Each structure stands twice: as structure tokens, then as C-alpha cells.
Amino acid sequence: MSKVDPSSARRLIDTTPRWHPDFERYLVTRAPYMREPYVRAQLEAGPVNAKAIGWTREHVHTKWPDADFQVHTRWVPASWVKRISREKSSWQDPYDVHDKAGARWQ
């Protein structure tokens, strides 16, 4: 028995953007694990608070949970993204790394 509803899966596949940068042309930088900076990205459906898990000179790979706690990732143009502090984000990753004094990495 399959736990996947094929019609729901097809709808998700059809609505998920398949675009990403040309990685031959744009080198990707990644932040240290669990120290990714927080950003606010203006998407077509509205703004989301996310973490920047990777970036090029012109694009940012964002990661955020939705209201149902499903995690989404998407490459977006850098012009759509603004860096924010962890405290200004509407969600905080519970696994963020802290330094020895207890301060969070930004």
C-alpha cells in the first residue's frame, strides 16, 4: 500500500518551480551548517522569513517552513531577498548554533 496520493503528488510536482541557477556559470557559497543567515524573501505569493542556505552573486537558495511545518526550498533572485536578524524572523530554527557565551550566530 502506498502512502502517497498520486493526484496530490502530481499537483505538487506541477506547481513547484524547477528553476535554479546555471551552476557552471555561478559558483555557490554555503554558510556553515546551522549558522545560515535569516532573510526575508519576497515571493510571488508574498513575503516569507527564511534561511539563506546557499547563494551566488545573483541568486539565493532559501529554506523555510510553512504553516503546516512543511519545509520548502527555492532559488530566488538576490534582489528579492533582504537579510534580517534572527529576532526579526517570524520563526527561529531551534537547532541554530550558539557560541560559548550563549549568543546566536548571525
PDB file of N, CA and C in Angstrom:
ATOM      1  N   MET A   1       0.842  -1.173   0.000  1.00  0.00           N
ATOM      2  CA  MET A   1       0.000   0.000   0.000  1.00  0.00           C
ATOM      3  C   MET A   1       0.893   1.245   0.000  1.00  0.00           C
ATOM      4  N   SER A   2       0.583   2.185  -0.858  1.00  0.00           N
ATOM      5  CA  SER A   2       1.355   3.419  -0.953  1.00  0.00           C
ATOM      6  C   SER A   2       0.738   4.495  -0.072  1.00  0.00           C
ATOM      7  N   LYS A   3       1.587   5.240   0.621  1.00  0.00           N
ATOM      8  CA  LYS A   3       1.112   6.343   1.455  1.00  0.00           C
ATOM      9  C   LYS A   3       1.020   7.644   0.664  1.00  0.00           C
ATOM     10  N   VAL A   4       1.406   7.612  -0.592  1.00  0.00           N
ATOM     11  CA  VAL A   4       1.397   8.806  -1.422  1.00  0.00           C
ATOM     12  C   VAL A   4       0.136   8.829  -2.272  1.00  0.00           C
ATOM     13  N   ASP A   5      -0.577   9.931  -2.227  1.00  0.00           N
ATOM     14  CA  ASP A   5      -1.742  10.123  -3.077  1.00  0.00           C
ATOM     15  C   ASP A   5      -1.225  10.647  -4.424  1.00  0.00           C
ATOM     16  N   PRO A   6      -1.319   9.845  -5.484  1.00  0.00           N
ATOM     17  CA  PRO A   6      -0.747  10.254  -6.778  1.00  0.00           C
ATOM     18  C   PRO A   6      -1.281  11.588  -7.293  1.00  0.00           C
ATOM     19  N   SER A   7      -2.558  11.882  -7.084  1.00  0.00           N
ATOM     20  CA  SER A   7      -3.094  13.149  -7.600  1.00  0.00           C
ATOM     21  C   SER A   7      -2.501  14.334  -6.833  1.00  0.00           C
ATOM     22  N   SER A   8      -2.316  14.194  -5.520  1.00  0.00           N
ATOM     23  CA  SER A   8      -1.688  15.263  -4.739  1.00  0.00           C
ATOM     24  C   SER A   8      -0.230  15.428  -5.123  1.00  0.00           C
ATOM     25  N   ALA A   9       0.460  14.328  -5.309  1.00  0.00           N
ATOM     26  CA  ALA A   9       1.870  14.383  -5.697  1.00  0.00           C
ATOM     27  C   ALA A   9       2.025  15.055  -7.053  1.00  0.00           C
ATOM     28  N   ARG A  10       1.182  14.730  -8.008  1.00  0.00           N
ATOM     29  CA  ARG A  10       1.259  15.339  -9.333  1.00  0.00           C
ATOM     30  C   ARG A  10       1.024  16.845  -9.244  1.00  0.00           C
ATOM     31  N   ARG A  11       0.048  17.260  -8.428  1.00  0.00           N
ATOM     32  CA  ARG A  11      -0.244  18.685  -8.272  1.00  0.00           C
ATOM     33  C   ARG A  11       0.957  19.415  -7.680  1.00  0.00           C
ATOM     34  N   LEU A  12       1.626  18.827  -6.691  1.00  0.00           N
ATOM     35  CA  LEU A  12       2.810  19.436  -6.097  1.00  0.00           C
ATOM     36  C   LEU A  12       3.945  19.536  -7.115  1.00  0.00           C
ATOM     37  N   ILE A  13       4.143  18.488  -7.880  1.00  0.00           N
ATOM     38  CA  ILE A  13       5.206  18.499  -8.891  1.00  0.00           C
ATOM     39  C   ILE A  13       4.914  19.556  -9.946  1.00  0.00           C
ATOM     40  N   ASP A  14       3.663  19.662 -10.370  1.00  0.00           N
ATOM     41  CA  ASP A  14       3.308  20.607 -11.421  1.00  0.00           C
ATOM     42  C   ASP A  14       3.399  22.059 -10.958  1.00  0.00           C
ATOM     43  N   THR A  15       3.224  22.337  -9.664  1.00  0.00           N
ATOM     44  CA  THR A  15       3.240  23.715  -9.173  1.00  0.00           C
ATOM     45  C   THR A  15       4.582  24.126  -8.597  1.00  0.00           C
ATOM     46  N   THR A  16       5.509  23.202  -8.420  1.00  0.00           N
ATOM     47  CA  THR A  16       6.819  23.525  -7.864  1.00  0.00           C
ATOM     48  C   THR A  16       7.737  24.053  -8.953  1.00  0.00           C
ATOM     49  N   PRO A  17       8.305  25.262  -8.750  1.00  0.00           N
ATOM     50  CA  PRO A  17       9.221  25.776  -9.773  1.00  0.00           C
ATOM     51  C   PRO A  17      10.430  24.864  -9.928  1.00  0.00           C
ATOM     52  N   ARG A  18      10.871  24.658 -11.141  1.00  0.00           N
ATOM     53  CA  ARG A  18      12.011  23.790 -11.402  1.00  0.00           C
ATOM     54  C   ARG A  18      13.260  24.595 -11.743  1.00  0.00           C
ATOM     55  N   TRP A  19      13.204  25.890 -11.571  1.00  0.00           N
ATOM     56  CA  TRP A  19      14.297  26.752 -11.965  1.00  0.00           C
ATOM     57  C   TRP A  19      15.389  26.785 -10.897  1.00  0.00           C
ATOM     58  N   HIS A  20      16.617  26.836 -11.329  1.00  0.00           N
ATOM     59  CA  HIS A  20      17.763  27.073 -10.455  1.00  0.00           C
ATOM     60  C   HIS A  20      18.861  27.690 -11.307  1.00  0.00           C
ATOM     61  N   PRO A  21      19.852  28.321 -10.655  1.00  0.00           N
ATOM     62  CA  PRO A  21      20.918  28.955 -11.443  1.00  0.00           C
ATOM     63  C   PRO A  21      21.727  27.941 -12.238  1.00  0.00           C
ATOM     64  N   ASP A  22      22.399  28.442 -13.239  1.00  0.00           N
ATOM     65  CA  ASP A  22      23.347  27.634 -14.003  1.00  0.00           C
ATOM     66  C   ASP A  22      24.603  27.506 -13.140  1.00  0.00           C
ATOM     67  N   PHE A  23      24.790  26.354 -12.524  1.00  0.00           N
ATOM     68  CA  PHE A  23      25.883  26.182 -11.572  1.00  0.00           C
ATOM     69  C   PHE A  23      27.257  26.160 -12.240  1.00  0.00           C
ATOM     70  N   GLU A  24      27.304  25.985 -13.557  1.00  0.00           N
ATOM     71  CA  GLU A  24      28.572  26.099 -14.271  1.00  0.00           C
ATOM     72  C   GLU A  24      29.008  27.562 -14.335  1.00  0.00           C
ATOM     73  N   ARG A  25      28.048  28.441 -14.395  1.00  0.00           N
ATOM     74  CA  ARG A  25      28.320  29.874 -14.518  1.00  0.00           C
ATOM     75  C   ARG A  25      28.396  30.570 -13.171  1.00  0.00           C
ATOM     76  N   TYR A  26      27.590  30.143 -12.202  1.00  0.00           N
ATOM     77  CA  TYR A  26      27.517  30.782 -10.895  1.00  0.00           C
ATOM     78  C   TYR A  26      28.029  29.824  -9.822  1.00  0.00           C
ATOM     79  N   LEU A  27      29.109  30.173  -9.152  1.00  0.00           N
ATOM     80  CA  LEU A  27      29.626  29.353  -8.063  1.00  0.00           C
ATOM     81  C   LEU A  27      28.780  29.571  -6.814  1.00  0.00           C
ATOM     82  N   VAL A  28      28.454  28.505  -6.115  1.00  0.00           N
ATOM     83  CA  VAL A  28      27.582  28.573  -4.942  1.00  0.00           C
ATOM     84  C   VAL A  28      28.414  28.642  -3.676  1.00  0.00           C
ATOM     85  N   THR A  29      28.035  29.560  -2.780  1.00  0.00           N
ATOM     86  CA  THR A  29      28.621  29.666  -1.448  1.00  0.00           C
ATOM     87  C   THR A  29      27.590  29.135  -0.458  1.00  0.00           C
ATOM     88  N   ARG A  30      28.046  28.401   0.523  1.00  0.00           N
ATOM     89  CA  ARG A  30      27.147  27.867   1.556  1.00  0.00           C
ATOM     90  C   ARG A  30      27.627  28.326   2.923  1.00  0.00           C
ATOM     91  N   ALA A  31      26.684  28.645   3.803  1.00  0.00           N
ATOM     92  CA  ALA A  31      27.006  29.018   5.179  1.00  0.00           C
ATOM     93  C   ALA A  31      27.316  27.752   5.968  1.00  0.00           C
ATOM     94  N   PRO A  32      28.061  27.875   7.076  1.00  0.00           N
ATOM     95  CA  PRO A  32      28.272  26.704   7.933  1.00  0.00           C
ATOM     96  C   PRO A  32      26.930  26.143   8.414  1.00  0.00           C
ATOM     97  N   TYR A  33      26.872  24.838   8.543  1.00  0.00           N
ATOM     98  CA  TYR A  33      25.642  24.147   8.940  1.00  0.00           C
ATOM     99  C   TYR A  33      25.077  24.721  10.233  1.00  0.00           C
ATOM    100  N   MET A  34      23.819  25.032  10.241  1.00  0.00           N
ATOM    101  CA  MET A  34      23.052  25.589  11.353  1.00  0.00           C
ATOM    102  C   MET A  34      23.511  26.989  11.770  1.00  0.00           C
ATOM    103  N   ARG A  35      24.227  27.652  10.865  1.00  0.00           N
ATOM    104  CA  ARG A  35      24.615  29.048  11.094  1.00  0.00           C
ATOM    105  C   ARG A  35      24.196  29.905   9.893  1.00  0.00           C
ATOM    106  N   GLU A  36      23.214  29.418   9.151  1.00  0.00           N
ATOM    107  CA  GLU A  36      22.751  30.126   7.971  1.00  0.00           C
ATOM    108  C   GLU A  36      22.080  31.440   8.370  1.00  0.00           C
ATOM    109  N   PRO A  37      22.294  32.501   7.597  1.00  0.00           N
ATOM    110  CA  PRO A  37      21.666  33.784   7.929  1.00  0.00           C
ATOM    111  C   PRO A  37      20.164  33.766   7.646  1.00  0.00           C
ATOM    112  N   TYR A  38      19.437  34.548   8.419  1.00  0.00           N
ATOM    113  CA  TYR A  38      17.999  34.721   8.217  1.00  0.00           C
ATOM    114  C   TYR A  38      17.770  35.793   7.162  1.00  0.00           C
ATOM    115  N   VAL A  39      16.745  35.587   6.351  1.00  0.00           N
ATOM    116  CA  VAL A  39      16.403  36.538   5.300  1.00  0.00           C
ATOM    117  C   VAL A  39      14.882  36.655   5.201  1.00  0.00           C
ATOM    118  N   ARG A  40      14.448  37.731   4.581  1.00  0.00           N
ATOM    119  CA  ARG A  40      13.042  37.878   4.206  1.00  0.00           C
ATOM    120  C   ARG A  40      13.022  37.915   2.689  1.00  0.00           C
ATOM    121  N   ALA A  41      12.317  36.965   2.089  1.00  0.00           N
ATOM    122  CA  ALA A  41      12.243  36.860   0.630  1.00  0.00           C
ATOM    123  C   ALA A  41      10.846  37.252   0.165  1.00  0.00           C
ATOM    124  N   GLN A  42      10.780  38.088  -0.839  1.00  0.00           N
ATOM    125  CA  GLN A  42       9.506  38.492  -1.421  1.00  0.00           C
ATOM    126  C   GLN A  42       9.201  37.558  -2.584  1.00  0.00           C
ATOM    127  N   LEU A  43       8.328  36.575  -2.345  1.00  0.00           N
ATOM    128  CA  LEU A  43       7.941  35.613  -3.379  1.00  0.00           C
ATOM    129  C   LEU A  43       6.656  36.074  -4.056  1.00  0.00           C
ATOM    130  N   GLU A  44       6.268  35.392  -5.114  1.00  0.00           N
ATOM    131  CA  GLU A  44       5.036  35.747  -5.816  1.00  0.00           C
ATOM    132  C   GLU A  44       3.826  35.703  -4.891  1.00  0.00           C
ATOM    133  N   ALA A  45       3.804  34.745  -3.966  1.00  0.00           N
ATOM    134  CA  ALA A  45       2.671  34.576  -3.057  1.00  0.00           C
ATOM    135  C   ALA A  45       2.763  35.480  -1.831  1.00  0.00           C
ATOM    136  N   GLY A  46       3.830  36.247  -1.709  1.00  0.00           N
ATOM    137  CA  GLY A  46       4.001  37.137  -0.566  1.00  0.00           C
ATOM    138  C   GLY A  46       5.328  36.879   0.125  1.00  0.00           C
ATOM    139  N   PRO A  47       5.623  37.671   1.151  1.00  0.00           N
ATOM    140  CA  PRO A  47       6.917  37.540   1.827  1.00  0.00           C
ATOM    141  C   PRO A  47       6.983  36.302   2.719  1.00  0.00           C
ATOM    142  N   VAL A  48       8.185  35.725   2.815  1.00  0.00           N
ATOM    143  CA  VAL A  48       8.441  34.629   3.745  1.00  0.00           C
ATOM    144  C   VAL A  48       9.732  34.921   4.487  1.00  0.00           C
ATOM    145  N   ASN A  49       9.777  34.544   5.750  1.00  0.00           N
ATOM    146  CA  ASN A  49      11.012  34.583   6.520  1.00  0.00           C
ATOM    147  C   ASN A  49      11.669  33.230   6.350  1.00  0.00           C
ATOM    148  N   ALA A  50      12.945  33.250   5.998  1.00  0.00           N
ATOM    149  CA  ALA A  50      13.626  32.024   5.620  1.00  0.00           C
ATOM    150  C   ALA A  50      15.068  32.074   6.088  1.00  0.00           C
ATOM    151  N   LYS A  51      15.783  31.004   5.795  1.00  0.00           N
ATOM    152  CA  LYS A  51      17.228  30.984   5.983  1.00  0.00           C
ATOM    153  C   LYS A  51      17.855  30.895   4.601  1.00  0.00           C
ATOM    154  N   ALA A  52      18.974  31.607   4.424  1.00  0.00           N
ATOM    155  CA  ALA A  52      19.721  31.545   3.172  1.00  0.00           C
ATOM    156  C   ALA A  52      20.698  30.390   3.302  1.00  0.00           C
ATOM    157  N   ILE A  53      20.406  29.274   2.640  1.00  0.00           N
ATOM    158  CA  ILE A  53      21.248  28.083   2.785  1.00  0.00           C
ATOM    159  C   ILE A  53      22.337  28.022   1.726  1.00  0.00           C
ATOM    160  N   GLY A  54      22.242  28.890   0.729  1.00  0.00           N
ATOM    161  CA  GLY A  54      23.265  28.978  -0.299  1.00  0.00           C
ATOM    162  C   GLY A  54      23.020  30.217  -1.133  1.00  0.00           C
ATOM    163  N   TRP A  55      24.053  30.685  -1.825  1.00  0.00           N
ATOM    164  CA  TRP A  55      23.873  31.859  -2.663  1.00  0.00           C
ATOM    165  C   TRP A  55      24.968  31.935  -3.716  1.00  0.00           C
ATOM    166  N   THR A  56      24.632  32.643  -4.777  1.00  0.00           N
ATOM    167  CA  THR A  56      25.580  33.012  -5.813  1.00  0.00           C
ATOM    168  C   THR A  56      25.579  34.536  -5.845  1.00  0.00           C
ATOM    169  N   ARG A  57      26.269  35.122  -6.807  1.00  0.00           N
ATOM    170  CA  ARG A  57      26.258  36.583  -6.917  1.00  0.00           C
ATOM    171  C   ARG A  57      24.871  37.115  -7.248  1.00  0.00           C
ATOM    172  N   GLU A  58      24.044  36.302  -7.880  1.00  0.00           N
ATOM    173  CA  GLU A  58      22.751  36.788  -8.361  1.00  0.00           C
ATOM    174  C   GLU A  58      21.531  36.042  -7.828  1.00  0.00           C
ATOM    175  N   HIS A  59      21.739  34.971  -7.050  1.00  0.00           N
ATOM    176  CA  HIS A  59      20.626  34.140  -6.597  1.00  0.00           C
ATOM    177  C   HIS A  59      20.830  33.716  -5.142  1.00  0.00           C
ATOM    178  N   VAL A  60      19.729  33.424  -4.454  1.00  0.00           N
ATOM    179  CA  VAL A  60      19.795  32.946  -3.075  1.00  0.00           C
ATOM    180  C   VAL A  60      18.930  31.692  -2.957  1.00  0.00           C
ATOM    181  N   HIS A  61      19.476  30.649  -2.338  1.00  0.00           N
ATOM    182  CA  HIS A  61      18.737  29.413  -2.080  1.00  0.00           C
ATOM    183  C   HIS A  61      18.115  29.551  -0.699  1.00  0.00           C
ATOM    184  N   THR A  62      16.799  29.645  -0.637  1.00  0.00           N
ATOM    185  CA  THR A  62      16.089  29.885   0.621  1.00  0.00           C
ATOM    186  C   THR A  62      15.443  28.605   1.126  1.00  0.00           C
ATOM    187  N   LYS A  63      15.271  28.554   2.460  1.00  0.00           N
ATOM    188  CA  LYS A  63      14.617  27.411   3.109  1.00  0.00           C
ATOM    189  C   LYS A  63      13.712  27.962   4.198  1.00  0.00           C
ATOM    190  N   TRP A  64      12.452  27.518   4.213  1.00  0.00           N
ATOM    191  CA  TRP A  64      11.507  27.983   5.229  1.00  0.00           C
ATOM    192  C   TRP A  64      10.416  26.953   5.448  1.00  0.00           C
ATOM    193  N   PRO A  65       9.823  26.935   6.653  1.00  0.00           N
ATOM    194  CA  PRO A  65       8.669  26.067   6.914  1.00  0.00           C
ATOM    195  C   PRO A  65       7.373  26.841   6.667  1.00  0.00           C
ATOM    196  N   ASP A  66       6.344  26.144   6.198  1.00  0.00           N
ATOM    197  CA  ASP A  66       5.046  26.797   6.031  1.00  0.00           C
ATOM    198  C   ASP A  66       4.219  26.620   7.302  1.00  0.00           C
ATOM    199  N   ALA A  67       2.963  27.029   7.257  1.00  0.00           N
ATOM    200  CA  ALA A  67       2.090  26.962   8.434  1.00  0.00           C
ATOM    201  C   ALA A  67       1.859  25.522   8.896  1.00  0.00           C
ATOM    202  N   ASP A  68       2.011  24.554   7.994  1.00  0.00           N
ATOM    203  CA  ASP A  68       1.837  23.135   8.334  1.00  0.00           C
ATOM    204  C   ASP A  68       3.168  22.458   8.668  1.00  0.00           C
ATOM    205  N   PHE A  69       4.226  23.268   8.847  1.00  0.00           N
ATOM    206  CA  PHE A  69       5.569  22.794   9.204  1.00  0.00           C
ATOM    207  C   PHE A  69       6.219  21.956   8.092  1.00  0.00           C
ATOM    208  N   GLN A  70       5.761  22.139   6.866  1.00  0.00           N
ATOM    209  CA  GLN A  70       6.411  21.510   5.724  1.00  0.00           C
ATOM    210  C   GLN A  70       7.540  22.445   5.285  1.00  0.00           C
ATOM    211  N   VAL A  71       8.729  21.902   5.084  1.00  0.00           N
ATOM    212  CA  VAL A  71       9.874  22.727   4.713  1.00  0.00           C
ATOM    213  C   VAL A  71       9.944  22.859   3.200  1.00  0.00           C
ATOM    214  N   HIS A  72      10.176  24.093   2.747  1.00  0.00           N
ATOM    215  CA  HIS A  72      10.295  24.392   1.330  1.00  0.00           C
ATOM    216  C   HIS A  72      11.672  24.980   1.064  1.00  0.00           C
ATOM    217  N   THR A  73      12.217  24.723  -0.105  1.00  0.00           N
ATOM    218  CA  THR A  73      13.454  25.362  -0.540  1.00  0.00           C
ATOM    219  C   THR A  73      13.231  25.883  -1.948  1.00  0.00           C
ATOM    220  N   ARG A  74      13.883  27.013  -2.242  1.00  0.00           N
ATOM    221  CA  ARG A  74      13.709  27.595  -3.571  1.00  0.00           C
ATOM    222  C   ARG A  74      14.839  28.570  -3.859  1.00  0.00           C
ATOM    223  N   TRP A  75      15.356  28.525  -5.072  1.00  0.00           N
ATOM    224  CA  TRP A  75      16.303  29.520  -5.560  1.00  0.00           C
ATOM    225  C   TRP A  75      15.496  30.721  -6.014  1.00  0.00           C
ATOM    226  N   VAL A  76      15.889  31.916  -5.563  1.00  0.00           N
ATOM    227  CA  VAL A  76      15.213  33.147  -5.960  1.00  0.00           C
ATOM    228  C   VAL A  76      16.261  34.182  -6.355  1.00  0.00           C
ATOM    229  N   PRO A  77      15.878  35.180  -7.150  1.00  0.00           N
ATOM    230  CA  PRO A  77      16.821  36.253  -7.462  1.00  0.00           C
ATOM    231  C   PRO A  77      17.247  36.984  -6.176  1.00  0.00           C
ATOM    232  N   ALA A  78      18.503  37.365  -6.108  1.00  0.00           N
ATOM    233  CA  ALA A  78      19.016  38.050  -4.911  1.00  0.00           C
ATOM    234  C   ALA A  78      18.257  39.347  -4.637  1.00  0.00           C
ATOM    235  N   SER A  79      17.748  39.991  -5.662  1.00  0.00           N
ATOM    236  CA  SER A  79      17.008  41.242  -5.469  1.00  0.00           C
ATOM    237  C   SER A  79      15.701  41.036  -4.706  1.00  0.00           C
ATOM    238  N   TRP A  80      15.242  39.805  -4.581  1.00  0.00           N
ATOM    239  CA  TRP A  80      14.021  39.502  -3.838  1.00  0.00           C
ATOM    240  C   TRP A  80      14.295  39.289  -2.352  1.00  0.00           C
ATOM    241  N   VAL A  81      15.550  39.293  -1.943  1.00  0.00           N
ATOM    242  CA  VAL A  81      15.939  38.861  -0.593  1.00  0.00           C
ATOM    243  C   VAL A  81      16.585  40.004   0.182  1.00  0.00           C
ATOM    244  N   LYS A  82      16.222  40.107   1.470  1.00  0.00           N
ATOM    245  CA  LYS A  82      16.830  41.077   2.379  1.00  0.00           C
ATOM    246  C   LYS A  82      17.230  40.333   3.648  1.00  0.00           C
ATOM    247  N   ARG A  83      18.449  40.541   4.120  1.00  0.00           N
ATOM    248  CA  ARG A  83      18.905  39.884   5.344  1.00  0.00           C
ATOM    249  C   ARG A  83      18.230  40.528   6.554  1.00  0.00           C
ATOM    250  N   ILE A  84      17.810  39.680   7.502  1.00  0.00           N
ATOM    251  CA  ILE A  84      17.192  40.152   8.740  1.00  0.00           C
ATOM    252  C   ILE A  84      17.854  39.428   9.913  1.00  0.00           C
ATOM    253  N   SER A  85      17.648  39.938  11.106  1.00  0.00           N
ATOM    254  CA  SER A  85      18.187  39.263  12.290  1.00  0.00           C
ATOM    255  C   SER A  85      17.286  38.086  12.652  1.00  0.00           C
ATOM    256  N   ARG A  86      17.820  37.172  13.411  1.00  0.00           N
ATOM    257  CA  ARG A  86      17.047  36.018  13.868  1.00  0.00           C
ATOM    258  C   ARG A  86      15.816  36.476  14.644  1.00  0.00           C
ATOM    259  N   GLU A  87      15.996  37.517  15.469  1.00  0.00           N
ATOM    260  CA  GLU A  87      14.906  38.019  16.301  1.00  0.00           C
ATOM    261  C   GLU A  87      13.776  38.637  15.472  1.00  0.00           C
ATOM    262  N   LYS A  88      14.078  39.145  14.290  1.00  0.00           N
ATOM    263  CA  LYS A  88      13.042  39.753  13.441  1.00  0.00           C
ATOM    264  C   LYS A  88      12.322  38.730  12.578  1.00  0.00           C
ATOM    265  N   SER A  89      12.805  37.499  12.574  1.00  0.00           N
ATOM    266  CA  SER A  89      12.168  36.454  11.791  1.00  0.00           C
ATOM    267  C   SER A  89      10.922  35.945  12.510  1.00  0.00           C
ATOM    268  N   SER A  90       9.890  35.605  11.758  1.00  0.00           N
ATOM    269  CA  SER A  90       8.654  35.086  12.362  1.00  0.00           C
ATOM    270  C   SER A  90       8.825  33.644  12.843  1.00  0.00           C
ATOM    271  N   TRP A  91       9.926  32.988  12.482  1.00  0.00           N
ATOM    272  CA  TRP A  91      10.254  31.657  13.004  1.00  0.00           C
ATOM    273  C   TRP A  91      11.753  31.612  13.254  1.00  0.00           C
ATOM    274  N   GLN A  92      12.148  30.829  14.225  1.00  0.00           N
ATOM    275  CA  GLN A  92      13.556  30.631  14.537  1.00  0.00           C
ATOM    276  C   GLN A  92      13.846  29.138  14.523  1.00  0.00           C
ATOM    277  N   ASP A  93      14.893  28.788  13.836  1.00  0.00           N
ATOM    278  CA  ASP A  93      15.305  27.397  13.762  1.00  0.00           C
ATOM    279  C   ASP A  93      15.775  26.960  15.152  1.00  0.00           C
ATOM    280  N   PRO A  94      15.148  25.956  15.751  1.00  0.00           N
ATOM    281  CA  PRO A  94      15.542  25.542  17.106  1.00  0.00           C
ATOM    282  C   PRO A  94      16.933  24.924  17.173  1.00  0.00           C
ATOM    283  N   TYR A  95      17.515  24.596  16.027  1.00  0.00           N
ATOM    284  CA  TYR A  95      18.829  23.958  16.007  1.00  0.00           C
ATOM    285  C   TYR A  95      19.953  24.927  15.672  1.00  0.00           C
ATOM    286  N   ASP A  96      19.674  26.239  15.666  1.00  0.00           N
ATOM    287  CA  ASP A  96      20.740  27.212  15.424  1.00  0.00           C
ATOM    288  C   ASP A  96      21.867  27.007  16.419  1.00  0.00           C
ATOM    289  N   VAL A  97      23.098  27.173  15.953  1.00  0.00           N
ATOM    290  CA  VAL A  97      24.283  27.027  16.800  1.00  0.00           C
ATOM    291  C   VAL A  97      24.495  28.311  17.581  1.00  0.00           C
ATOM    292  N   HIS A  98      24.856  28.173  18.856  1.00  0.00           N
ATOM    293  CA  HIS A  98      25.157  29.300  19.732  1.00  0.00           C
ATOM    294  C   HIS A  98      26.654  29.295  20.026  1.00  0.00           C
ATOM    295  N   ASP A  99      27.214  30.466  20.280  1.00  0.00           N
ATOM    296  CA  ASP A  99      28.624  30.476  20.687  1.00  0.00           C
ATOM    297  C   ASP A  99      28.719  30.131  22.174  1.00  0.00           C
ATOM    298  N   LYS A 100      29.921  30.088  22.731  1.00  0.00           N
ATOM    299  CA  LYS A 100      30.102  29.647  24.117  1.00  0.00           C
ATOM    300  C   LYS A 100      29.441  30.574  25.127  1.00  0.00           C
ATOM    301  N   ALA A 101      29.262  31.855  24.785  1.00  0.00           N
ATOM    302  CA  ALA A 101      28.608  32.795  25.704  1.00  0.00           C
ATOM    303  C   ALA A 101      27.088  32.714  25.591  1.00  0.00           C
ATOM    304  N   GLY A 102      26.587  31.918  24.681  1.00  0.00           N
ATOM    305  CA  GLY A 102      25.145  31.762  24.530  1.00  0.00           C
ATOM    306  C   GLY A 102      24.547  32.628  23.442  1.00  0.00           C
ATOM    307  N   ALA A 103      25.347  33.510  22.857  1.00  0.00           N
ATOM    308  CA  ALA A 103      24.830  34.362  21.780  1.00  0.00           C
ATOM    309  C   ALA A 103      24.643  33.535  20.511  1.00  0.00           C
ATOM    310  N   ARG A 104      23.650  33.888  19.739  1.00  0.00           N
ATOM    311  CA  ARG A 104      23.394  33.189  18.486  1.00  0.00           C
ATOM    312  C   ARG A 104      24.288  33.760  17.400  1.00  0.00           C
ATOM    313  N   TRP A 105      24.695  32.901  16.475  1.00  0.00           N
ATOM    314  CA  TRP A 105      25.429  33.360  15.300  1.00  0.00           C
ATOM    315  C   TRP A 105      24.462  34.052  14.387  1.00  0.00           C
ATOM    316  N   GLN A 106      24.857  35.138  13.797  1.00  0.00           N
ATOM    317  CA  GLN A 106      24.007  35.875  12.847  1.00  0.00           C
ATOM    318  C   GLN A 106      24.570  35.756  11.469  1.00  0.00           C
TER     319      GLN A 106
END
